[in-house]
Each structure stands twice: as C-alpha cells, then as structure tokens.
Amino acid sequence: MHGPGSASWLLVALCAGSGAYCLLRMRSGAEEQRRTAGGEALMGFGMAVMALPAAVLDPPREVWLGYAAVFAAAGLRTAWPAGRGPRHLRRARSPRHLHHAVGALAMVYMSAAMVTAPGGHAAGHGGAGVPAVTGALLLYFAGHVLLSGARLAPVGGAPGTGAPDLGTPGHRRPPLESVGGWADRPELVLVCRLAMSMGMLAMLLAL
C-alpha cells in the first residue's frame, strides 16, 4: 500500500483477523450465520492477500484474473442463490446480501485494476481504475462505515437487554448473555463487517 510499510501490514492484519473471525462464525448454530460467514471469510483473506506490499508478494497478472473470476462467482452466488423459491429471493434482496454483492464487485474491480496497472500491482501506485467507479465505491463503503459505527454506538434502552438486534430482519436474537460462544455475538459480527469496510476504503483510496 502507499505509505509506510507498517500501514500495509496493519491493513493485512485487519483483513486477516476479520477473515479468521468469519471462520469461527462458520461453527455457529444458526444456519444463516454459517451461510454468510463463508463468503465473508473469503472476502477477508482475499483482501489480506491483495493488501500485501509488492515487495513481499507480486504475482503475475494471471493470478489477478483468477481473483476476479473467483469473486465474480461469489458475487453471482450471492445475488442469485441456487434456490428459486420466494424465500431464497427475499434473502438475496436483503441489505446484508446486497452488501456482500457490492463487496464482491469491489474485489473484481480492484483485481482488474491490478491486471491493467504497470507491474501488475496497483496498490500504492495510484492512477489505476476508473475514477467514477472508484468514487462510487468509496462513497458506498464510507457510508457503510458510518452506518455501522452508528449502530455500534450505545443507545438508550432498558438495562440488561444486551446489544441491539443485529441479526436477520424480523428475527430477534436472545440477550447477549444467553448467546453461546463468540460466533453468535451480533456486535462482534458488526465489528467484523465494519473492519472489512474500512479495509476496502483504504484499498480503494490506494488505487
């Protein structure tokens, strides 16, 4: 990434840590958690590899083409699930799944920028990508960061009610004290998604 090497490694650690927590969430007892955690883990580790400094990892252009294909497939799977029933269509249109589709689109876009950039590694060099697309993605992820931060802020409520419900719309989670394990803690899930959006912002700014 552009700037001190420590900044690049901080971004790598942020994305890899988010991916690792998503792997933990795949052990959740909730089916919806397991379904979304796999895609988010792929996103986190993919961002971590992409954020590595060129001095450490500078793969050929074919690798970035493969990256684009993988995340294009992940985005299509999110946008058009295998099931054709109304329940699957409603799930595909949920804000969370739309966010995953935008994230996959951003990864495809940055992978394409890596292919077209001189040396095959755009991060930190600047001038890669289409300014209008980069700007639109920056606005989207900046908005997601602000919205997620606002949802994490303490809100007035009855004591002992735990964190606000951050799960599936229409489904109330039990109080935090009764949730077993780290994988189902809604505030940690939101922090994980916030961290990945911040990482995406940093990477888009480096294009």
N, C-alpha and C. Protein backbone atom coordinates (compact mmCIF):
# COMPACT_ATOMS: atom_id res chain seq x y z
N MET A 1 0.84 -1.20 0.00
CA MET A 1 0.00 0.00 0.00
C MET A 1 0.87 1.24 0.00
N HIS A 2 0.28 2.34 -0.38
CA HIS A 2 1.01 3.59 -0.42
C HIS A 2 1.29 4.05 1.00
N GLY A 3 2.54 4.48 1.24
CA GLY A 3 2.89 4.95 2.57
C GLY A 3 3.81 3.98 3.27
N PRO A 4 4.01 4.18 4.59
CA PRO A 4 4.92 3.32 5.33
C PRO A 4 4.52 1.85 5.26
N GLY A 5 5.54 0.98 5.29
CA GLY A 5 5.25 -0.44 5.23
C GLY A 5 4.41 -0.92 6.39
N SER A 6 4.53 -0.26 7.55
CA SER A 6 3.74 -0.67 8.71
C SER A 6 2.25 -0.50 8.46
N ALA A 7 1.88 0.49 7.65
CA ALA A 7 0.46 0.70 7.34
C ALA A 7 -0.07 -0.47 6.52
N SER A 8 0.74 -0.97 5.60
CA SER A 8 0.33 -2.11 4.79
C SER A 8 0.10 -3.33 5.66
N TRP A 9 1.02 -3.58 6.57
CA TRP A 9 0.90 -4.76 7.43
C TRP A 9 -0.27 -4.62 8.39
N LEU A 10 -0.57 -3.40 8.81
CA LEU A 10 -1.74 -3.19 9.66
C LEU A 10 -3.02 -3.55 8.91
N LEU A 11 -3.08 -3.16 7.64
CA LEU A 11 -4.25 -3.50 6.83
C LEU A 11 -4.34 -5.00 6.60
N VAL A 12 -3.20 -5.64 6.36
CA VAL A 12 -3.19 -7.10 6.20
C VAL A 12 -3.72 -7.77 7.47
N ALA A 13 -3.24 -7.30 8.63
CA ALA A 13 -3.67 -7.90 9.90
C ALA A 13 -5.17 -7.67 10.14
N LEU A 14 -5.66 -6.49 9.79
CA LEU A 14 -7.09 -6.18 9.96
C LEU A 14 -7.94 -7.12 9.12
N CYS A 15 -7.57 -7.30 7.85
CA CYS A 15 -8.37 -8.13 6.95
C CYS A 15 -8.25 -9.61 7.32
N ALA A 16 -7.03 -10.06 7.64
CA ALA A 16 -6.85 -11.46 8.01
C ALA A 16 -7.56 -11.79 9.32
N GLY A 17 -7.52 -10.86 10.27
CA GLY A 17 -8.24 -11.07 11.53
C GLY A 17 -9.74 -11.17 11.32
N SER A 18 -10.26 -10.33 10.43
CA SER A 18 -11.69 -10.40 10.11
C SER A 18 -12.03 -11.73 9.46
N GLY A 19 -11.18 -12.18 8.54
CA GLY A 19 -11.41 -13.48 7.90
C GLY A 19 -11.37 -14.62 8.90
N ALA A 20 -10.43 -14.54 9.86
CA ALA A 20 -10.33 -15.60 10.86
C ALA A 20 -11.57 -15.65 11.74
N TYR A 21 -12.10 -14.49 12.11
CA TYR A 21 -13.32 -14.49 12.92
C TYR A 21 -14.50 -15.04 12.13
N CYS A 22 -14.53 -14.77 10.82
CA CYS A 22 -15.61 -15.32 9.99
C CYS A 22 -15.52 -16.85 9.93
N LEU A 23 -14.31 -17.39 9.94
CA LEU A 23 -14.16 -18.85 10.01
C LEU A 23 -14.74 -19.38 11.31
N LEU A 24 -14.53 -18.65 12.40
CA LEU A 24 -15.11 -19.05 13.68
C LEU A 24 -16.63 -19.03 13.61
N ARG A 25 -17.18 -18.06 12.92
CA ARG A 25 -18.63 -17.96 12.80
C ARG A 25 -19.23 -19.11 12.01
N MET A 26 -18.43 -19.79 11.20
CA MET A 26 -18.94 -20.93 10.44
C MET A 26 -19.28 -22.09 11.35
N ARG A 27 -18.90 -22.03 12.61
CA ARG A 27 -19.26 -23.05 13.59
C ARG A 27 -20.53 -22.68 14.35
N SER A 28 -21.17 -21.59 13.94
CA SER A 28 -22.37 -21.12 14.62
C SER A 28 -23.49 -22.14 14.50
N GLY A 29 -24.40 -22.11 15.46
CA GLY A 29 -25.56 -22.98 15.41
C GLY A 29 -26.65 -22.45 14.50
N ALA A 30 -26.52 -21.19 14.05
CA ALA A 30 -27.53 -20.58 13.18
C ALA A 30 -27.14 -20.79 11.73
N GLU A 31 -28.07 -21.33 10.95
CA GLU A 31 -27.78 -21.62 9.54
C GLU A 31 -27.42 -20.36 8.76
N GLU A 32 -28.13 -19.26 9.01
CA GLU A 32 -27.87 -18.02 8.28
C GLU A 32 -26.48 -17.49 8.57
N GLN A 33 -26.03 -17.63 9.83
CA GLN A 33 -24.68 -17.20 10.18
C GLN A 33 -23.65 -18.00 9.40
N ARG A 34 -23.81 -19.31 9.35
CA ARG A 34 -22.85 -20.15 8.65
C ARG A 34 -22.83 -19.83 7.16
N ARG A 35 -23.99 -19.54 6.59
CA ARG A 35 -24.08 -19.29 5.16
C ARG A 35 -23.33 -18.03 4.77
N THR A 36 -23.51 -16.96 5.55
CA THR A 36 -22.85 -15.70 5.21
C THR A 36 -21.39 -15.66 5.65
N ALA A 37 -21.04 -16.42 6.69
CA ALA A 37 -19.67 -16.36 7.21
C ALA A 37 -18.66 -16.87 6.21
N GLY A 38 -19.00 -17.87 5.41
CA GLY A 38 -18.06 -18.41 4.44
C GLY A 38 -17.66 -17.37 3.41
N GLY A 39 -18.65 -16.65 2.87
CA GLY A 39 -18.35 -15.61 1.89
C GLY A 39 -17.55 -14.48 2.49
N GLU A 40 -17.84 -14.12 3.74
CA GLU A 40 -17.11 -13.04 4.38
C GLU A 40 -15.68 -13.46 4.72
N ALA A 41 -15.48 -14.72 5.06
CA ALA A 41 -14.12 -15.22 5.29
C ALA A 41 -13.30 -15.14 4.01
N LEU A 42 -13.90 -15.56 2.89
CA LEU A 42 -13.23 -15.46 1.59
C LEU A 42 -12.86 -14.01 1.30
N MET A 43 -13.77 -13.09 1.58
CA MET A 43 -13.51 -11.68 1.35
C MET A 43 -12.36 -11.18 2.22
N GLY A 44 -12.37 -11.53 3.49
CA GLY A 44 -11.34 -11.05 4.40
C GLY A 44 -9.95 -11.53 4.02
N PHE A 45 -9.81 -12.82 3.76
CA PHE A 45 -8.50 -13.36 3.39
C PHE A 45 -8.07 -12.86 2.01
N GLY A 46 -9.05 -12.72 1.09
CA GLY A 46 -8.71 -12.19 -0.23
C GLY A 46 -8.19 -10.76 -0.15
N MET A 47 -8.80 -9.94 0.70
CA MET A 47 -8.32 -8.58 0.90
C MET A 47 -6.94 -8.57 1.53
N ALA A 48 -6.71 -9.48 2.48
CA ALA A 48 -5.40 -9.53 3.15
C ALA A 48 -4.29 -9.82 2.15
N VAL A 49 -4.53 -10.77 1.25
CA VAL A 49 -3.52 -11.10 0.24
C VAL A 49 -3.31 -9.93 -0.72
N MET A 50 -4.40 -9.29 -1.11
CA MET A 50 -4.31 -8.17 -2.04
C MET A 50 -3.57 -6.99 -1.42
N ALA A 51 -3.66 -6.83 -0.11
CA ALA A 51 -3.03 -5.70 0.57
C ALA A 51 -1.55 -5.90 0.84
N LEU A 52 -1.03 -7.11 0.62
CA LEU A 52 0.40 -7.34 0.86
C LEU A 52 1.24 -6.42 -0.02
N PRO A 53 2.31 -5.85 0.53
CA PRO A 53 3.18 -4.98 -0.29
C PRO A 53 3.77 -5.74 -1.47
N ALA A 54 3.98 -5.02 -2.55
CA ALA A 54 4.52 -5.64 -3.76
C ALA A 54 5.89 -6.25 -3.52
N ALA A 55 6.64 -5.70 -2.55
CA ALA A 55 7.97 -6.25 -2.26
C ALA A 55 7.88 -7.65 -1.66
N VAL A 56 6.73 -7.96 -1.06
CA VAL A 56 6.54 -9.27 -0.43
C VAL A 56 5.87 -10.24 -1.40
N LEU A 57 4.84 -9.77 -2.08
CA LEU A 57 4.09 -10.62 -3.00
C LEU A 57 3.73 -9.81 -4.23
N ASP A 58 4.26 -10.21 -5.38
CA ASP A 58 3.97 -9.54 -6.64
C ASP A 58 3.64 -10.60 -7.69
N PRO A 59 2.44 -11.18 -7.61
CA PRO A 59 2.09 -12.29 -8.52
C PRO A 59 1.89 -11.80 -9.94
N PRO A 60 1.94 -12.71 -10.91
CA PRO A 60 1.69 -12.33 -12.31
C PRO A 60 0.23 -11.93 -12.52
N ARG A 61 -0.02 -11.32 -13.65
CA ARG A 61 -1.37 -10.83 -13.95
C ARG A 61 -2.41 -11.95 -13.97
N GLU A 62 -1.99 -13.15 -14.35
CA GLU A 62 -2.93 -14.26 -14.41
C GLU A 62 -3.56 -14.54 -13.04
N VAL A 63 -2.79 -14.31 -11.98
CA VAL A 63 -3.33 -14.53 -10.64
C VAL A 63 -4.48 -13.57 -10.36
N TRP A 64 -4.30 -12.30 -10.76
CA TRP A 64 -5.37 -11.33 -10.53
C TRP A 64 -6.59 -11.62 -11.39
N LEU A 65 -6.37 -12.18 -12.57
CA LEU A 65 -7.51 -12.62 -13.38
C LEU A 65 -8.27 -13.73 -12.66
N GLY A 66 -7.53 -14.65 -12.05
CA GLY A 66 -8.18 -15.70 -11.26
C GLY A 66 -8.94 -15.12 -10.08
N TYR A 67 -8.35 -14.10 -9.42
CA TYR A 67 -9.01 -13.41 -8.32
C TYR A 67 -10.35 -12.84 -8.79
N ALA A 68 -10.31 -12.16 -9.94
CA ALA A 68 -11.54 -11.56 -10.46
C ALA A 68 -12.60 -12.62 -10.73
N ALA A 69 -12.19 -13.76 -11.27
CA ALA A 69 -13.15 -14.83 -11.57
C ALA A 69 -13.76 -15.39 -10.29
N VAL A 70 -12.94 -15.59 -9.26
CA VAL A 70 -13.43 -16.15 -8.00
C VAL A 70 -14.47 -15.23 -7.37
N PHE A 71 -14.16 -13.94 -7.31
CA PHE A 71 -15.08 -13.02 -6.64
C PHE A 71 -16.28 -12.69 -7.51
N ALA A 72 -16.13 -12.79 -8.82
CA ALA A 72 -17.30 -12.65 -9.68
C ALA A 72 -18.28 -13.79 -9.43
N ALA A 73 -17.74 -15.01 -9.29
CA ALA A 73 -18.59 -16.16 -8.99
C ALA A 73 -19.25 -16.00 -7.62
N ALA A 74 -18.48 -15.51 -6.63
CA ALA A 74 -19.04 -15.31 -5.29
C ALA A 74 -20.15 -14.27 -5.32
N GLY A 75 -19.95 -13.19 -6.09
CA GLY A 75 -20.98 -12.16 -6.18
C GLY A 75 -22.24 -12.67 -6.85
N LEU A 76 -22.08 -13.45 -7.90
CA LEU A 76 -23.25 -14.02 -8.58
C LEU A 76 -24.00 -14.98 -7.68
N ARG A 77 -23.26 -15.76 -6.91
CA ARG A 77 -23.91 -16.71 -6.00
C ARG A 77 -24.71 -15.97 -4.92
N THR A 78 -24.20 -14.80 -4.51
CA THR A 78 -24.92 -14.01 -3.51
C THR A 78 -26.16 -13.36 -4.12
N ALA A 79 -26.00 -12.83 -5.34
CA ALA A 79 -27.11 -12.12 -5.97
C ALA A 79 -28.21 -13.05 -6.46
N TRP A 80 -27.81 -14.23 -6.95
CA TRP A 80 -28.77 -15.20 -7.47
C TRP A 80 -28.53 -16.54 -6.82
N PRO A 81 -29.13 -16.79 -5.64
CA PRO A 81 -28.91 -18.05 -4.94
C PRO A 81 -29.43 -19.24 -5.74
N ALA A 82 -28.92 -20.40 -5.37
CA ALA A 82 -29.28 -21.62 -6.11
C ALA A 82 -30.77 -21.92 -6.00
N GLY A 83 -31.36 -21.65 -4.84
CA GLY A 83 -32.78 -21.91 -4.66
C GLY A 83 -33.62 -20.91 -5.44
N ARG A 84 -34.74 -21.34 -5.94
CA ARG A 84 -35.59 -20.48 -6.76
C ARG A 84 -36.87 -20.08 -6.05
N GLY A 85 -37.06 -20.52 -4.82
CA GLY A 85 -38.29 -20.21 -4.13
C GLY A 85 -38.33 -18.77 -3.65
N PRO A 86 -39.50 -18.27 -3.25
CA PRO A 86 -39.63 -16.89 -2.77
C PRO A 86 -38.74 -16.60 -1.58
N ARG A 87 -38.54 -17.60 -0.69
CA ARG A 87 -37.70 -17.37 0.47
C ARG A 87 -36.27 -17.04 0.06
N HIS A 88 -35.73 -17.76 -0.93
CA HIS A 88 -34.37 -17.51 -1.39
C HIS A 88 -34.27 -16.15 -2.07
N LEU A 89 -35.30 -15.77 -2.81
CA LEU A 89 -35.28 -14.48 -3.49
C LEU A 89 -35.33 -13.34 -2.48
N ARG A 90 -36.13 -13.49 -1.43
CA ARG A 90 -36.17 -12.46 -0.39
C ARG A 90 -34.83 -12.33 0.29
N ARG A 91 -34.17 -13.48 0.55
CA ARG A 91 -32.86 -13.46 1.21
C ARG A 91 -31.83 -12.76 0.32
N ALA A 92 -31.90 -13.02 -1.00
CA ALA A 92 -30.93 -12.41 -1.91
C ALA A 92 -31.10 -10.90 -1.97
N ARG A 93 -32.33 -10.40 -1.70
CA ARG A 93 -32.57 -8.97 -1.78
C ARG A 93 -32.35 -8.27 -0.45
N SER A 94 -31.96 -8.98 0.60
CA SER A 94 -31.76 -8.36 1.90
C SER A 94 -30.56 -7.43 1.85
N PRO A 95 -30.54 -6.37 2.67
CA PRO A 95 -29.41 -5.42 2.66
C PRO A 95 -28.07 -6.11 2.88
N ARG A 96 -28.04 -7.12 3.74
CA ARG A 96 -26.78 -7.80 4.01
C ARG A 96 -26.24 -8.49 2.76
N HIS A 97 -27.11 -9.17 2.03
CA HIS A 97 -26.66 -9.87 0.83
C HIS A 97 -26.31 -8.90 -0.29
N LEU A 98 -27.03 -7.80 -0.38
CA LEU A 98 -26.67 -6.78 -1.35
C LEU A 98 -25.30 -6.20 -1.02
N HIS A 99 -25.02 -6.02 0.27
CA HIS A 99 -23.69 -5.53 0.69
C HIS A 99 -22.60 -6.52 0.28
N HIS A 100 -22.86 -7.81 0.45
CA HIS A 100 -21.89 -8.82 0.04
C HIS A 100 -21.66 -8.76 -1.47
N ALA A 101 -22.72 -8.54 -2.23
CA ALA A 101 -22.58 -8.45 -3.69
C ALA A 101 -21.75 -7.24 -4.09
N VAL A 102 -21.95 -6.10 -3.41
CA VAL A 102 -21.15 -4.91 -3.70
C VAL A 102 -19.69 -5.16 -3.32
N GLY A 103 -19.46 -5.84 -2.20
CA GLY A 103 -18.09 -6.17 -1.81
C GLY A 103 -17.40 -7.04 -2.84
N ALA A 104 -18.11 -8.04 -3.35
CA ALA A 104 -17.53 -8.90 -4.39
C ALA A 104 -17.25 -8.10 -5.65
N LEU A 105 -18.15 -7.17 -6.01
CA LEU A 105 -17.93 -6.31 -7.16
C LEU A 105 -16.68 -5.46 -6.98
N ALA A 106 -16.49 -4.95 -5.77
CA ALA A 106 -15.29 -4.14 -5.50
C ALA A 106 -14.02 -4.97 -5.64
N MET A 107 -14.06 -6.23 -5.20
CA MET A 107 -12.89 -7.09 -5.34
C MET A 107 -12.61 -7.38 -6.81
N VAL A 108 -13.65 -7.61 -7.61
CA VAL A 108 -13.46 -7.82 -9.04
C VAL A 108 -12.85 -6.57 -9.68
N TYR A 109 -13.36 -5.42 -9.28
CA TYR A 109 -12.87 -4.15 -9.83
C TYR A 109 -11.39 -3.93 -9.48
N MET A 110 -11.02 -4.16 -8.23
CA MET A 110 -9.63 -3.96 -7.83
C MET A 110 -8.72 -5.00 -8.47
N SER A 111 -9.21 -6.21 -8.65
CA SER A 111 -8.41 -7.23 -9.33
C SER A 111 -8.14 -6.82 -10.78
N ALA A 112 -9.17 -6.27 -11.43
CA ALA A 112 -8.98 -5.80 -12.80
C ALA A 112 -7.99 -4.64 -12.84
N ALA A 113 -8.02 -3.79 -11.80
CA ALA A 113 -7.05 -2.69 -11.74
C ALA A 113 -5.63 -3.23 -11.59
N MET A 114 -5.47 -4.33 -10.84
CA MET A 114 -4.15 -4.95 -10.70
C MET A 114 -3.64 -5.45 -12.06
N VAL A 115 -4.57 -5.99 -12.86
CA VAL A 115 -4.18 -6.52 -14.17
C VAL A 115 -3.70 -5.42 -15.09
N THR A 116 -4.39 -4.28 -15.07
CA THR A 116 -4.08 -3.20 -16.01
C THR A 116 -2.98 -2.28 -15.52
N ALA A 117 -2.65 -2.32 -14.22
CA ALA A 117 -1.64 -1.42 -13.67
C ALA A 117 -0.24 -1.84 -14.11
N PRO A 118 0.67 -0.89 -14.27
CA PRO A 118 2.05 -1.24 -14.59
C PRO A 118 2.65 -2.12 -13.50
N GLY A 119 3.25 -3.22 -13.88
CA GLY A 119 3.84 -4.13 -12.91
C GLY A 119 2.86 -5.09 -12.31
N GLY A 120 1.55 -4.92 -12.62
CA GLY A 120 0.56 -5.86 -12.13
C GLY A 120 0.22 -5.74 -10.67
N HIS A 121 0.59 -4.62 -10.02
CA HIS A 121 0.26 -4.43 -8.60
C HIS A 121 -0.08 -2.97 -8.40
N ALA A 122 -1.39 -2.67 -8.40
CA ALA A 122 -1.83 -1.27 -8.40
C ALA A 122 -1.75 -0.62 -7.04
N ALA A 123 -1.88 -1.41 -5.96
CA ALA A 123 -2.00 -0.82 -4.63
C ALA A 123 -0.77 0.03 -4.32
N GLY A 124 -1.03 1.28 -4.02
CA GLY A 124 0.04 2.17 -3.64
C GLY A 124 0.62 2.96 -4.80
N HIS A 125 0.32 2.61 -6.03
CA HIS A 125 0.88 3.35 -7.16
C HIS A 125 -0.05 4.48 -7.61
N GLY A 126 -1.35 4.33 -7.42
CA GLY A 126 -2.29 5.36 -7.83
C GLY A 126 -2.49 5.37 -9.33
N GLY A 127 -3.58 6.02 -9.75
CA GLY A 127 -3.83 6.18 -11.17
C GLY A 127 -4.49 4.98 -11.83
N ALA A 128 -4.76 3.91 -11.10
CA ALA A 128 -5.40 2.73 -11.69
C ALA A 128 -6.91 2.83 -11.49
N GLY A 129 -7.64 2.11 -12.34
CA GLY A 129 -9.09 2.09 -12.20
C GLY A 129 -9.76 3.28 -12.87
N VAL A 130 -11.08 3.23 -12.83
CA VAL A 130 -11.91 4.29 -13.42
C VAL A 130 -12.34 5.22 -12.28
N PRO A 131 -12.00 6.51 -12.34
CA PRO A 131 -12.30 7.41 -11.22
C PRO A 131 -13.75 7.40 -10.79
N ALA A 132 -14.68 7.35 -11.75
CA ALA A 132 -16.11 7.39 -11.38
C ALA A 132 -16.49 6.13 -10.59
N VAL A 133 -16.00 4.98 -11.02
CA VAL A 133 -16.32 3.72 -10.31
C VAL A 133 -15.65 3.72 -8.94
N THR A 134 -14.38 4.13 -8.90
CA THR A 134 -13.69 4.19 -7.62
C THR A 134 -14.41 5.12 -6.66
N GLY A 135 -14.84 6.28 -7.15
CA GLY A 135 -15.54 7.24 -6.30
C GLY A 135 -16.86 6.69 -5.78
N ALA A 136 -17.61 6.00 -6.64
CA ALA A 136 -18.89 5.44 -6.22
C ALA A 136 -18.69 4.38 -5.13
N LEU A 137 -17.68 3.53 -5.32
CA LEU A 137 -17.40 2.50 -4.31
C LEU A 137 -16.91 3.14 -3.02
N LEU A 138 -16.10 4.18 -3.12
CA LEU A 138 -15.65 4.88 -1.90
C LEU A 138 -16.83 5.45 -1.13
N LEU A 139 -17.77 6.08 -1.86
CA LEU A 139 -18.95 6.64 -1.20
C LEU A 139 -19.76 5.54 -0.51
N TYR A 140 -19.91 4.41 -1.20
CA TYR A 140 -20.71 3.32 -0.62
C TYR A 140 -20.07 2.80 0.67
N PHE A 141 -18.78 2.49 0.62
CA PHE A 141 -18.14 1.91 1.80
C PHE A 141 -17.96 2.94 2.92
N ALA A 142 -17.77 4.21 2.56
CA ALA A 142 -17.74 5.24 3.60
C ALA A 142 -19.09 5.31 4.31
N GLY A 143 -20.17 5.25 3.53
CA GLY A 143 -21.50 5.24 4.14
C GLY A 143 -21.72 4.02 5.02
N HIS A 144 -21.23 2.86 4.57
CA HIS A 144 -21.39 1.65 5.37
C HIS A 144 -20.61 1.74 6.67
N VAL A 145 -19.41 2.33 6.62
CA VAL A 145 -18.61 2.51 7.84
C VAL A 145 -19.35 3.42 8.81
N LEU A 146 -19.89 4.52 8.33
CA LEU A 146 -20.59 5.46 9.21
C LEU A 146 -21.85 4.82 9.80
N LEU A 147 -22.60 4.10 8.96
CA LEU A 147 -23.82 3.46 9.45
C LEU A 147 -23.50 2.38 10.47
N SER A 148 -22.48 1.58 10.20
CA SER A 148 -22.11 0.52 11.14
C SER A 148 -21.62 1.12 12.45
N GLY A 149 -20.84 2.20 12.36
CA GLY A 149 -20.38 2.86 13.58
C GLY A 149 -21.53 3.40 14.41
N ALA A 150 -22.53 3.96 13.72
CA ALA A 150 -23.70 4.48 14.43
C ALA A 150 -24.48 3.36 15.11
N ARG A 151 -24.55 2.18 14.47
CA ARG A 151 -25.27 1.06 15.06
C ARG A 151 -24.53 0.49 16.26
N LEU A 152 -23.20 0.65 16.26
CA LEU A 152 -22.42 0.15 17.38
C LEU A 152 -22.43 1.11 18.57
N ALA A 153 -22.79 2.37 18.32
CA ALA A 153 -22.79 3.36 19.39
C ALA A 153 -23.82 2.97 20.44
N PRO A 154 -23.53 3.24 21.73
CA PRO A 154 -24.50 2.92 22.79
C PRO A 154 -25.82 3.64 22.56
N VAL A 155 -26.90 2.95 22.80
CA VAL A 155 -28.23 3.54 22.64
C VAL A 155 -28.96 3.44 23.96
N GLY A 156 -29.88 4.36 24.17
CA GLY A 156 -30.67 4.32 25.39
C GLY A 156 -31.64 3.17 25.36
N GLY A 157 -31.65 2.38 26.39
CA GLY A 157 -32.55 1.24 26.44
C GLY A 157 -32.59 0.68 27.84
N ALA A 158 -33.38 -0.32 28.00
CA ALA A 158 -33.51 -0.93 29.32
C ALA A 158 -32.23 -1.65 29.68
N PRO A 159 -31.75 -1.51 30.92
CA PRO A 159 -30.54 -2.19 31.33
C PRO A 159 -30.71 -3.70 31.21
N GLY A 160 -29.62 -4.35 30.82
CA GLY A 160 -29.62 -5.81 30.76
C GLY A 160 -30.20 -6.39 29.49
N THR A 161 -30.54 -5.51 28.53
CA THR A 161 -31.10 -6.04 27.29
C THR A 161 -30.02 -6.48 26.33
N GLY A 162 -28.75 -6.17 26.64
CA GLY A 162 -27.66 -6.61 25.77
C GLY A 162 -27.56 -5.73 24.55
N ALA A 163 -26.83 -6.19 23.55
CA ALA A 163 -26.61 -5.44 22.32
C ALA A 163 -27.90 -5.39 21.51
N PRO A 164 -28.05 -4.36 20.67
CA PRO A 164 -29.23 -4.33 19.81
C PRO A 164 -29.22 -5.49 18.85
N ASP A 165 -30.42 -5.88 18.39
CA ASP A 165 -30.51 -7.00 17.45
C ASP A 165 -29.88 -6.61 16.13
N LEU A 166 -28.83 -7.34 15.74
CA LEU A 166 -28.12 -7.07 14.50
C LEU A 166 -28.22 -8.25 13.56
N GLY A 167 -29.17 -9.11 13.81
CA GLY A 167 -29.28 -10.33 13.02
C GLY A 167 -30.23 -10.16 11.87
N THR A 168 -30.83 -11.26 11.47
CA THR A 168 -31.73 -11.25 10.33
C THR A 168 -32.93 -10.37 10.61
N PRO A 169 -33.32 -9.49 9.66
CA PRO A 169 -34.51 -8.66 9.87
C PRO A 169 -35.72 -9.52 10.20
N GLY A 170 -36.47 -9.08 11.21
CA GLY A 170 -37.65 -9.81 11.61
C GLY A 170 -37.38 -10.93 12.60
N HIS A 171 -36.10 -11.15 12.92
CA HIS A 171 -35.75 -12.21 13.86
C HIS A 171 -35.00 -11.61 15.03
N ARG A 172 -35.57 -11.68 16.22
CA ARG A 172 -34.95 -11.13 17.41
C ARG A 172 -34.00 -12.15 18.02
N ARG A 173 -32.76 -11.72 18.23
CA ARG A 173 -31.82 -12.60 18.90
C ARG A 173 -32.08 -12.56 20.40
N PRO A 174 -31.70 -13.59 21.13
CA PRO A 174 -31.81 -13.53 22.57
C PRO A 174 -30.81 -12.55 23.14
N PRO A 175 -30.97 -12.13 24.42
CA PRO A 175 -30.00 -11.23 25.03
C PRO A 175 -28.60 -11.80 24.91
N LEU A 176 -27.61 -10.90 24.87
CA LEU A 176 -26.23 -11.31 24.65
C LEU A 176 -25.76 -12.32 25.67
N GLU A 177 -26.26 -12.17 26.93
CA GLU A 177 -25.80 -13.07 27.98
C GLU A 177 -26.17 -14.51 27.71
N SER A 178 -27.22 -14.75 26.91
CA SER A 178 -27.67 -16.12 26.66
C SER A 178 -27.13 -16.69 25.36
N VAL A 179 -26.37 -15.91 24.60
CA VAL A 179 -25.83 -16.39 23.35
C VAL A 179 -24.57 -17.19 23.63
N GLY A 180 -24.51 -18.41 23.14
CA GLY A 180 -23.38 -19.27 23.42
C GLY A 180 -22.25 -19.06 22.45
N GLY A 181 -21.04 -18.85 23.01
CA GLY A 181 -19.86 -18.74 22.16
C GLY A 181 -19.71 -17.39 21.50
N TRP A 182 -18.53 -17.20 20.91
CA TRP A 182 -18.22 -15.94 20.26
C TRP A 182 -18.85 -15.82 18.88
N ALA A 183 -19.15 -16.92 18.24
CA ALA A 183 -19.58 -16.88 16.84
C ALA A 183 -20.91 -16.18 16.65
N ASP A 184 -21.78 -16.17 17.67
CA ASP A 184 -23.12 -15.63 17.51
C ASP A 184 -23.29 -14.25 18.14
N ARG A 185 -22.19 -13.63 18.58
CA ARG A 185 -22.33 -12.32 19.22
C ARG A 185 -22.56 -11.25 18.15
N PRO A 186 -23.73 -10.65 18.10
CA PRO A 186 -24.08 -9.75 16.98
C PRO A 186 -23.19 -8.54 16.89
N GLU A 187 -22.74 -8.00 18.04
CA GLU A 187 -21.90 -6.80 17.97
C GLU A 187 -20.53 -7.12 17.38
N LEU A 188 -20.03 -8.33 17.62
CA LEU A 188 -18.75 -8.72 17.03
C LEU A 188 -18.88 -8.95 15.52
N VAL A 189 -20.03 -9.48 15.11
CA VAL A 189 -20.27 -9.65 13.68
C VAL A 189 -20.26 -8.29 12.98
N LEU A 190 -20.90 -7.31 13.60
CA LEU A 190 -20.95 -5.98 13.01
C LEU A 190 -19.56 -5.33 13.00
N VAL A 191 -18.78 -5.53 14.07
CA VAL A 191 -17.41 -5.00 14.11
C VAL A 191 -16.58 -5.62 12.99
N CYS A 192 -16.76 -6.92 12.75
CA CYS A 192 -16.04 -7.60 11.69
C CYS A 192 -16.37 -6.98 10.34
N ARG A 193 -17.64 -6.76 10.07
CA ARG A 193 -18.04 -6.17 8.79
C ARG A 193 -17.56 -4.72 8.69
N LEU A 194 -17.57 -4.00 9.80
CA LEU A 194 -17.06 -2.64 9.82
C LEU A 194 -15.58 -2.62 9.48
N ALA A 195 -14.81 -3.55 10.07
CA ALA A 195 -13.37 -3.62 9.80
C ALA A 195 -13.09 -3.90 8.33
N MET A 196 -13.88 -4.80 7.73
CA MET A 196 -13.65 -5.10 6.32
C MET A 196 -14.02 -3.91 5.43
N SER A 197 -15.05 -3.17 5.79
CA SER A 197 -15.39 -1.98 5.00
C SER A 197 -14.30 -0.92 5.12
N MET A 198 -13.72 -0.78 6.31
CA MET A 198 -12.61 0.16 6.47
C MET A 198 -11.41 -0.28 5.64
N GLY A 199 -11.14 -1.59 5.63
CA GLY A 199 -10.06 -2.09 4.78
C GLY A 199 -10.32 -1.84 3.31
N MET A 200 -11.57 -2.02 2.90
CA MET A 200 -11.92 -1.77 1.50
C MET A 200 -11.73 -0.30 1.15
N LEU A 201 -12.09 0.59 2.07
CA LEU A 201 -11.87 2.02 1.84
C LEU A 201 -10.39 2.32 1.63
N ALA A 202 -9.54 1.76 2.50
CA ALA A 202 -8.11 2.00 2.38
C ALA A 202 -7.55 1.51 1.05
N MET A 203 -8.01 0.35 0.62
CA MET A 203 -7.51 -0.22 -0.63
C MET A 203 -8.00 0.56 -1.85
N LEU A 204 -9.25 1.03 -1.80
CA LEU A 204 -9.76 1.83 -2.91
C LEU A 204 -9.06 3.18 -2.99
N LEU A 205 -8.73 3.75 -1.84
CA LEU A 205 -8.01 5.03 -1.83
C LEU A 205 -6.62 4.88 -2.43
N ALA A 206 -6.04 3.68 -2.33
CA ALA A 206 -4.69 3.46 -2.87
C ALA A 206 -4.68 3.22 -4.36
N LEU A 207 -5.85 3.03 -4.98
CA LEU A 207 -5.87 2.80 -6.43
C LEU A 207 -5.43 4.06 -7.20
